[in-house]
Amino acid sequence: MSVNRFIWQGREISFRPGESIAAALEAAGIVRLGLDALGRETRYFCGIGACQSCLVRVDGTACEACLTPARSGMTVTPLEDRS
């Protein structure tokens, strides 16, 4: 059986088939998702895409982590790279 994983800031995150990025990150103990364009902290909040508080970049494209299914091999990063 293969293990499903994506990369979050250099760390492999395992997930179950059908699980969202936000759910997989939360299960891994990651609740802070970075900063938005205004410098506010982003996180998993509503789970239905209404608040857009969980915006991240998936392979360079902005998306809502709560609505986006996790896929093996994807690279997920904070919305704003402040490094």
PDB file of N, CA and C in Angstrom:
ATOM      1  N   MET A   1       0.845  -1.186   0.000  1.00  0.00           N
ATOM      2  CA  MET A   1       0.000   0.000   0.000  1.00  0.00           C
ATOM      3  C   MET A   1       0.890   1.249   0.000  1.00  0.00           C
ATOM      4  N   SER A   2       0.609   2.178  -0.901  1.00  0.00           N
ATOM      5  CA  SER A   2       1.427   3.385  -0.976  1.00  0.00           C
ATOM      6  C   SER A   2       0.979   4.402   0.075  1.00  0.00           C
ATOM      7  N   VAL A   3       1.935   5.220   0.467  1.00  0.00           N
ATOM      8  CA  VAL A   3       1.653   6.270   1.437  1.00  0.00           C
ATOM      9  C   VAL A   3       1.458   7.575   0.682  1.00  0.00           C
ATOM     10  N   ASN A   4       0.392   8.257   0.984  1.00  0.00           N
ATOM     11  CA  ASN A   4       0.105   9.549   0.363  1.00  0.00           C
ATOM     12  C   ASN A   4       0.786  10.650   1.154  1.00  0.00           C
ATOM     13  N   ARG A   5       1.595  11.470   0.454  1.00  0.00           N
ATOM     14  CA  ARG A   5       2.311  12.553   1.119  1.00  0.00           C
ATOM     15  C   ARG A   5       2.433  13.760   0.206  1.00  0.00           C
ATOM     16  N   PHE A   6       2.414  14.938   0.837  1.00  0.00           N
ATOM     17  CA  PHE A   6       2.773  16.171   0.143  1.00  0.00           C
ATOM     18  C   PHE A   6       3.807  16.886   0.994  1.00  0.00           C
ATOM     19  N   ILE A   7       4.392  17.934   0.444  1.00  0.00           N
ATOM     20  CA  ILE A   7       5.454  18.664   1.141  1.00  0.00           C
ATOM     21  C   ILE A   7       4.919  19.993   1.654  1.00  0.00           C
ATOM     22  N   TRP A   8       5.131  20.251   2.934  1.00  0.00           N
ATOM     23  CA  TRP A   8       4.800  21.534   3.560  1.00  0.00           C
ATOM     24  C   TRP A   8       6.087  22.082   4.151  1.00  0.00           C
ATOM     25  N   GLN A   9       6.614  23.136   3.589  1.00  0.00           N
ATOM     26  CA  GLN A   9       7.826  23.792   4.068  1.00  0.00           C
ATOM     27  C   GLN A   9       8.949  22.779   4.333  1.00  0.00           C
ATOM     28  N   GLY A  10       9.173  21.893   3.395  1.00  0.00           N
ATOM     29  CA  GLY A  10      10.242  20.908   3.497  1.00  0.00           C
ATOM     30  C   GLY A  10       9.907  19.664   4.297  1.00  0.00           C
ATOM     31  N   ARG A  11       8.722  19.609   4.879  1.00  0.00           N
ATOM     32  CA  ARG A  11       8.301  18.466   5.709  1.00  0.00           C
ATOM     33  C   ARG A  11       7.265  17.632   4.961  1.00  0.00           C
ATOM     34  N   GLU A  12       7.445  16.321   4.981  1.00  0.00           N
ATOM     35  CA  GLU A  12       6.455  15.434   4.364  1.00  0.00           C
ATOM     36  C   GLU A  12       5.243  15.307   5.274  1.00  0.00           C
ATOM     37  N   ILE A  13       4.065  15.518   4.700  1.00  0.00           N
ATOM     38  CA  ILE A  13       2.802  15.427   5.435  1.00  0.00           C
ATOM     39  C   ILE A  13       2.002  14.271   4.839  1.00  0.00           C
ATOM     40  N   SER A  14       1.666  13.296   5.660  1.00  0.00           N
ATOM     41  CA  SER A  14       0.853  12.166   5.211  1.00  0.00           C
ATOM     42  C   SER A  14      -0.625  12.554   5.236  1.00  0.00           C
ATOM     43  N   PHE A  15      -1.392  11.944   4.358  1.00  0.00           N
ATOM     44  CA  PHE A  15      -2.834  12.203   4.339  1.00  0.00           C
ATOM     45  C   PHE A  15      -3.584  10.974   3.860  1.00  0.00           C
ATOM     46  N   ARG A  16      -4.864  10.940   4.191  1.00  0.00           N
ATOM     47  CA  ARG A  16      -5.746   9.865   3.733  1.00  0.00           C
ATOM     48  C   ARG A  16      -6.401  10.280   2.426  1.00  0.00           C
ATOM     49  N   PRO A  17      -6.726   9.323   1.570  1.00  0.00           N
ATOM     50  CA  PRO A  17      -7.411   9.661   0.318  1.00  0.00           C
ATOM     51  C   PRO A  17      -8.679  10.478   0.591  1.00  0.00           C
ATOM     52  N   GLY A  18      -8.865  11.555  -0.165  1.00  0.00           N
ATOM     53  CA  GLY A  18     -10.036  12.404  -0.015  1.00  0.00           C
ATOM     54  C   GLY A  18      -9.897  13.503   1.019  1.00  0.00           C
ATOM     55  N   GLU A  19      -8.813  13.508   1.768  1.00  0.00           N
ATOM     56  CA  GLU A  19      -8.618  14.503   2.820  1.00  0.00           C
ATOM     57  C   GLU A  19      -8.159  15.834   2.217  1.00  0.00           C
ATOM     58  N   SER A  20      -8.599  16.932   2.808  1.00  0.00           N
ATOM     59  CA  SER A  20      -8.169  18.251   2.342  1.00  0.00           C
ATOM     60  C   SER A  20      -6.764  18.548   2.855  1.00  0.00           C
ATOM     61  N   ILE A  21      -6.137  19.526   2.233  1.00  0.00           N
ATOM     62  CA  ILE A  21      -4.814  19.970   2.696  1.00  0.00           C
ATOM     63  C   ILE A  21      -4.909  20.438   4.145  1.00  0.00           C
ATOM     64  N   ALA A  22      -5.920  21.236   4.456  1.00  0.00           N
ATOM     65  CA  ALA A  22      -6.073  21.777   5.812  1.00  0.00           C
ATOM     66  C   ALA A  22      -6.238  20.661   6.844  1.00  0.00           C
ATOM     67  N   ALA A  23      -7.045  19.664   6.532  1.00  0.00           N
ATOM     68  CA  ALA A  23      -7.251  18.558   7.472  1.00  0.00           C
ATOM     69  C   ALA A  23      -5.958  17.775   7.692  1.00  0.00           C
ATOM     70  N   ALA A  24      -5.204  17.549   6.632  1.00  0.00           N
ATOM     71  CA  ALA A  24      -3.937  16.821   6.755  1.00  0.00           C
ATOM     72  C   ALA A  24      -2.931  17.617   7.575  1.00  0.00           C
ATOM     73  N   LEU A  25      -2.854  18.929   7.347  1.00  0.00           N
ATOM     74  CA  LEU A  25      -1.938  19.762   8.127  1.00  0.00           C
ATOM     75  C   LEU A  25      -2.337  19.780   9.599  1.00  0.00           C
ATOM     76  N   GLU A  26      -3.619  19.921   9.864  1.00  0.00           N
ATOM     77  CA  GLU A  26      -4.075  19.934  11.256  1.00  0.00           C
ATOM     78  C   GLU A  26      -3.786  18.598  11.942  1.00  0.00           C
ATOM     79  N   ALA A  27      -3.994  17.500  11.233  1.00  0.00           N
ATOM     80  CA  ALA A  27      -3.708  16.175  11.797  1.00  0.00           C
ATOM     81  C   ALA A  27      -2.216  16.019  12.111  1.00  0.00           C
ATOM     82  N   ALA A  28      -1.382  16.738  11.369  1.00  0.00           N
ATOM     83  CA  ALA A  28       0.067  16.699  11.596  1.00  0.00           C
ATOM     84  C   ALA A  28       0.502  17.704  12.663  1.00  0.00           C
ATOM     85  N   GLY A  29      -0.466  18.409  13.266  1.00  0.00           N
ATOM     86  CA  GLY A  29      -0.150  19.363  14.327  1.00  0.00           C
ATOM     87  C   GLY A  29       0.208  20.756  13.823  1.00  0.00           C
ATOM     88  N   ILE A  30      -0.046  21.021  12.554  1.00  0.00           N
ATOM     89  CA  ILE A  30       0.277  22.329  11.968  1.00  0.00           C
ATOM     90  C   ILE A  30      -1.003  23.151  11.894  1.00  0.00           C
ATOM     91  N   VAL A  31      -1.055  24.244  12.652  1.00  0.00           N
ATOM     92  CA  VAL A  31      -2.253  25.076  12.658  1.00  0.00           C
ATOM     93  C   VAL A  31      -1.990  26.472  12.107  1.00  0.00           C
ATOM     94  N   ARG A  32      -0.774  26.908  12.108  1.00  0.00           N
ATOM     95  CA  ARG A  32      -0.421  28.213  11.545  1.00  0.00           C
ATOM     96  C   ARG A  32       0.034  27.996  10.108  1.00  0.00           C
ATOM     97  N   LEU A  33      -0.635  28.665   9.186  1.00  0.00           N
ATOM     98  CA  LEU A  33      -0.366  28.447   7.769  1.00  0.00           C
ATOM     99  C   LEU A  33       0.433  29.575   7.128  1.00  0.00           C
ATOM    100  N   GLY A  34       0.895  30.516   7.916  1.00  0.00           N
ATOM    101  CA  GLY A  34       1.698  31.611   7.386  1.00  0.00           C
ATOM    102  C   GLY A  34       0.992  32.934   7.536  1.00  0.00           C
ATOM    103  N   LEU A  35       1.333  33.877   6.647  1.00  0.00           N
ATOM    104  CA  LEU A  35       0.769  35.216   6.691  1.00  0.00           C
ATOM    105  C   LEU A  35       0.077  35.531   5.382  1.00  0.00           C
ATOM    106  N   ASP A  36      -0.949  36.375   5.463  1.00  0.00           N
ATOM    107  CA  ASP A  36      -1.600  36.825   4.231  1.00  0.00           C
ATOM    108  C   ASP A  36      -0.879  38.074   3.716  1.00  0.00           C
ATOM    109  N   ALA A  37      -1.382  38.659   2.653  1.00  0.00           N
ATOM    110  CA  ALA A  37      -0.738  39.820   2.033  1.00  0.00           C
ATOM    111  C   ALA A  37      -0.689  41.035   2.957  1.00  0.00           C
ATOM    112  N   LEU A  38      -1.559  41.072   3.973  1.00  0.00           N
ATOM    113  CA  LEU A  38      -1.573  42.182   4.933  1.00  0.00           C
ATOM    114  C   LEU A  38      -0.761  41.884   6.181  1.00  0.00           C
ATOM    115  N   GLY A  39      -0.099  40.725   6.218  1.00  0.00           N
ATOM    116  CA  GLY A  39       0.730  40.361   7.357  1.00  0.00           C
ATOM    117  C   GLY A  39      -0.023  39.687   8.489  1.00  0.00           C
ATOM    118  N   ARG A  40      -1.282  39.312   8.248  1.00  0.00           N
ATOM    119  CA  ARG A  40      -2.080  38.632   9.279  1.00  0.00           C
ATOM    120  C   ARG A  40      -1.863  37.128   9.183  1.00  0.00           C
ATOM    121  N   GLU A  41      -1.863  36.478  10.341  1.00  0.00           N
ATOM    122  CA  GLU A  41      -1.671  35.035  10.374  1.00  0.00           C
ATOM    123  C   GLU A  41      -2.856  34.307   9.736  1.00  0.00           C
ATOM    124  N   THR A  42      -2.564  33.292   8.938  1.00  0.00           N
ATOM    125  CA  THR A  42      -3.616  32.485   8.331  1.00  0.00           C
ATOM    126  C   THR A  42      -3.683  31.138   9.035  1.00  0.00           C
ATOM    127  N   ARG A  43      -4.888  30.540   9.020  1.00  0.00           N
ATOM    128  CA  ARG A  43      -5.095  29.259   9.696  1.00  0.00           C
ATOM    129  C   ARG A  43      -6.365  28.608   9.169  1.00  0.00           C
ATOM    130  N   TYR A  44      -6.543  27.350   9.528  1.00  0.00           N
ATOM    131  CA  TYR A  44      -7.756  26.596   9.196  1.00  0.00           C
ATOM    132  C   TYR A  44      -8.841  27.056  10.160  1.00  0.00           C
ATOM    133  N   PHE A  45      -9.956  27.583   9.629  1.00  0.00           N
ATOM    134  CA  PHE A  45     -10.980  28.134  10.514  1.00  0.00           C
ATOM    135  C   PHE A  45     -12.366  27.568  10.220  1.00  0.00           C
ATOM    136  N   CYS A  46     -12.974  27.956   9.108  1.00  0.00           N
ATOM    137  CA  CYS A  46     -14.379  27.591   8.887  1.00  0.00           C
ATOM    138  C   CYS A  46     -14.561  26.219   8.244  1.00  0.00           C
ATOM    139  N   GLY A  47     -13.631  25.809   7.406  1.00  0.00           N
ATOM    140  CA  GLY A  47     -13.721  24.503   6.761  1.00  0.00           C
ATOM    141  C   GLY A  47     -14.659  24.430   5.566  1.00  0.00           C
ATOM    142  N   ILE A  48     -15.252  25.569   5.168  1.00  0.00           N
ATOM    143  CA  ILE A  48     -16.171  25.556   4.022  1.00  0.00           C
ATOM    144  C   ILE A  48     -15.820  26.601   2.965  1.00  0.00           C
ATOM    145  N   GLY A  49     -14.676  27.238   3.103  1.00  0.00           N
ATOM    146  CA  GLY A  49     -14.228  28.207   2.108  1.00  0.00           C
ATOM    147  C   GLY A  49     -14.823  29.587   2.218  1.00  0.00           C
ATOM    148  N   ALA A  50     -15.615  29.850   3.244  1.00  0.00           N
ATOM    149  CA  ALA A  50     -16.268  31.152   3.371  1.00  0.00           C
ATOM    150  C   ALA A  50     -15.340  32.246   3.886  1.00  0.00           C
ATOM    151  N   CYS A  51     -14.419  31.894   4.766  1.00  0.00           N
ATOM    152  CA  CYS A  51     -13.607  32.926   5.414  1.00  0.00           C
ATOM    153  C   CYS A  51     -12.282  33.198   4.708  1.00  0.00           C
ATOM    154  N   GLN A  52     -11.823  32.295   3.892  1.00  0.00           N
ATOM    155  CA  GLN A  52     -10.544  32.385   3.184  1.00  0.00           C
ATOM    156  C   GLN A  52      -9.366  32.613   4.120  1.00  0.00           C
ATOM    157  N   SER A  53      -9.472  32.147   5.338  1.00  0.00           N
ATOM    158  CA  SER A  53      -8.391  32.282   6.307  1.00  0.00           C
ATOM    159  C   SER A  53      -7.305  31.231   6.115  1.00  0.00           C
ATOM    160  N   CYS A  54      -7.559  30.237   5.282  1.00  0.00           N
ATOM    161  CA  CYS A  54      -6.595  29.145   5.106  1.00  0.00           C
ATOM    162  C   CYS A  54      -5.894  29.194   3.752  1.00  0.00           C
ATOM    163  N   LEU A  55      -5.770  30.393   3.173  1.00  0.00           N
ATOM    164  CA  LEU A  55      -5.132  30.504   1.869  1.00  0.00           C
ATOM    165  C   LEU A  55      -3.658  30.096   1.936  1.00  0.00           C
ATOM    166  N   VAL A  56      -3.271  29.256   1.006  1.00  0.00           N
ATOM    167  CA  VAL A  56      -1.898  28.779   0.860  1.00  0.00           C
ATOM    168  C   VAL A  56      -1.575  28.754  -0.636  1.00  0.00           C
ATOM    169  N   ARG A  57      -0.347  28.425  -0.968  1.00  0.00           N
ATOM    170  CA  ARG A  57       0.032  28.206  -2.367  1.00  0.00           C
ATOM    171  C   ARG A  57       0.286  26.726  -2.574  1.00  0.00           C
ATOM    172  N   VAL A  58      -0.318  26.191  -3.611  1.00  0.00           N
ATOM    173  CA  VAL A  58      -0.117  24.798  -3.992  1.00  0.00           C
ATOM    174  C   VAL A  58       0.589  24.811  -5.337  1.00  0.00           C
ATOM    175  N   ASP A  59       1.825  24.334  -5.332  1.00  0.00           N
ATOM    176  CA  ASP A  59       2.641  24.358  -6.552  1.00  0.00           C
ATOM    177  C   ASP A  59       2.616  25.740  -7.205  1.00  0.00           C
ATOM    178  N   GLY A  60       2.647  26.786  -6.355  1.00  0.00           N
ATOM    179  CA  GLY A  60       2.722  28.165  -6.837  1.00  0.00           C
ATOM    180  C   GLY A  60       1.409  28.881  -7.029  1.00  0.00           C
ATOM    181  N   THR A  61       0.277  28.183  -6.934  1.00  0.00           N
ATOM    182  CA  THR A  61      -1.034  28.784  -7.163  1.00  0.00           C
ATOM    183  C   THR A  61      -1.795  28.939  -5.845  1.00  0.00           C
ATOM    184  N   ALA A  62      -2.341  30.122  -5.596  1.00  0.00           N
ATOM    185  CA  ALA A  62      -3.099  30.360  -4.364  1.00  0.00           C
ATOM    186  C   ALA A  62      -4.388  29.545  -4.364  1.00  0.00           C
ATOM    187  N   CYS A  63      -4.717  28.963  -3.209  1.00  0.00           N
ATOM    188  CA  CYS A  63      -5.966  28.202  -3.067  1.00  0.00           C
ATOM    189  C   CYS A  63      -6.342  28.123  -1.594  1.00  0.00           C
ATOM    190  N   GLU A  64      -7.567  27.712  -1.345  1.00  0.00           N
ATOM    191  CA  GLU A  64      -8.056  27.520   0.024  1.00  0.00           C
ATOM    192  C   GLU A  64      -7.722  26.091   0.451  1.00  0.00           C
ATOM    193  N   ALA A  65      -6.961  25.955   1.512  1.00  0.00           N
ATOM    194  CA  ALA A  65      -6.517  24.636   1.972  1.00  0.00           C
ATOM    195  C   ALA A  65      -7.686  23.761   2.420  1.00  0.00           C
ATOM    196  N   CYS A  66      -8.771  24.377   2.911  1.00  0.00           N
ATOM    197  CA  CYS A  66      -9.903  23.583   3.400  1.00  0.00           C
ATOM    198  C   CYS A  66     -10.719  22.971   2.271  1.00  0.00           C
ATOM    199  N   LEU A  67     -10.629  23.544   1.068  1.00  0.00           N
ATOM    200  CA  LEU A  67     -11.416  23.050  -0.062  1.00  0.00           C
ATOM    201  C   LEU A  67     -10.589  22.240  -1.057  1.00  0.00           C
ATOM    202  N   THR A  68      -9.279  22.254  -0.919  1.00  0.00           N
ATOM    203  CA  THR A  68      -8.400  21.626  -1.892  1.00  0.00           C
ATOM    204  C   THR A  68      -7.988  20.232  -1.431  1.00  0.00           C
ATOM    205  N   PRO A  69      -8.329  19.216  -2.204  1.00  0.00           N
ATOM    206  CA  PRO A  69      -7.920  17.852  -1.835  1.00  0.00           C
ATOM    207  C   PRO A  69      -6.405  17.715  -1.891  1.00  0.00           C
ATOM    208  N   ALA A  70      -5.859  17.027  -0.924  1.00  0.00           N
ATOM    209  CA  ALA A  70      -4.416  16.747  -0.924  1.00  0.00           C
ATOM    210  C   ALA A  70      -4.110  15.751  -2.036  1.00  0.00           C
ATOM    211  N   ARG A  71      -2.961  15.951  -2.689  1.00  0.00           N
ATOM    212  CA  ARG A  71      -2.492  15.044  -3.730  1.00  0.00           C
ATOM    213  C   ARG A  71      -1.033  14.707  -3.449  1.00  0.00           C
ATOM    214  N   SER A  72      -0.659  13.486  -3.697  1.00  0.00           N
ATOM    215  CA  SER A  72       0.737  13.085  -3.497  1.00  0.00           C
ATOM    216  C   SER A  72       1.652  13.895  -4.393  1.00  0.00           C
ATOM    217  N   GLY A  73       2.749  14.338  -3.815  1.00  0.00           N
ATOM    218  CA  GLY A  73       3.769  15.042  -4.573  1.00  0.00           C
ATOM    219  C   GLY A  73       3.601  16.538  -4.665  1.00  0.00           C
ATOM    220  N   MET A  74       2.462  17.082  -4.238  1.00  0.00           N
ATOM    221  CA  MET A  74       2.269  18.528  -4.311  1.00  0.00           C
ATOM    222  C   MET A  74       3.172  19.223  -3.299  1.00  0.00           C
ATOM    223  N   THR A  75       3.500  20.466  -3.589  1.00  0.00           N
ATOM    224  CA  THR A  75       4.260  21.297  -2.666  1.00  0.00           C
ATOM    225  C   THR A  75       3.342  22.420  -2.200  1.00  0.00           C
ATOM    226  N   VAL A  76       3.158  22.510  -0.880  1.00  0.00           N
ATOM    227  CA  VAL A  76       2.274  23.500  -0.281  1.00  0.00           C
ATOM    228  C   VAL A  76       3.134  24.460   0.530  1.00  0.00           C
ATOM    229  N   THR A  77       2.925  25.754   0.322  1.00  0.00           N
ATOM    230  CA  THR A  77       3.699  26.784   1.035  1.00  0.00           C
ATOM    231  C   THR A  77       2.752  27.848   1.555  1.00  0.00           C
ATOM    232  N   PRO A  78       3.222  28.674   2.513  1.00  0.00           N
ATOM    233  CA  PRO A  78       2.409  29.796   2.950  1.00  0.00           C
ATOM    234  C   PRO A  78       2.081  30.708   1.770  1.00  0.00           C
ATOM    235  N   LEU A  79       0.977  31.439   1.878  1.00  0.00           N
ATOM    236  CA  LEU A  79       0.554  32.349   0.813  1.00  0.00           C
ATOM    237  C   LEU A  79       1.640  33.379   0.515  1.00  0.00           C
ATOM    238  N   GLU A  80       2.180  34.001   1.542  1.00  0.00           N
ATOM    239  CA  GLU A  80       3.237  34.993   1.379  1.00  0.00           C
ATOM    240  C   GLU A  80       4.542  34.411   1.887  1.00  0.00           C
ATOM    241  N   ASP A  81       5.535  34.386   1.043  1.00  0.00           N
ATOM    242  CA  ASP A  81       6.862  33.902   1.440  1.00  0.00           C
ATOM    243  C   ASP A  81       7.642  35.086   2.001  1.00  0.00           C
ATOM    244  N   ARG A  82       7.833  35.076   3.292  1.00  0.00           N
ATOM    245  CA  ARG A  82       8.515  36.190   3.950  1.00  0.00           C
ATOM    246  C   ARG A  82       9.946  35.834   4.334  1.00  0.00           C
ATOM    247  N   SER A  83      10.502  34.807   3.673  1.00  0.00           N
ATOM    248  CA  SER A  83      11.873  34.396   4.014  1.00  0.00           C
ATOM    249  C   SER A  83      12.907  35.196   3.256  1.00  0.00           C
TER     250      SER A  83
END
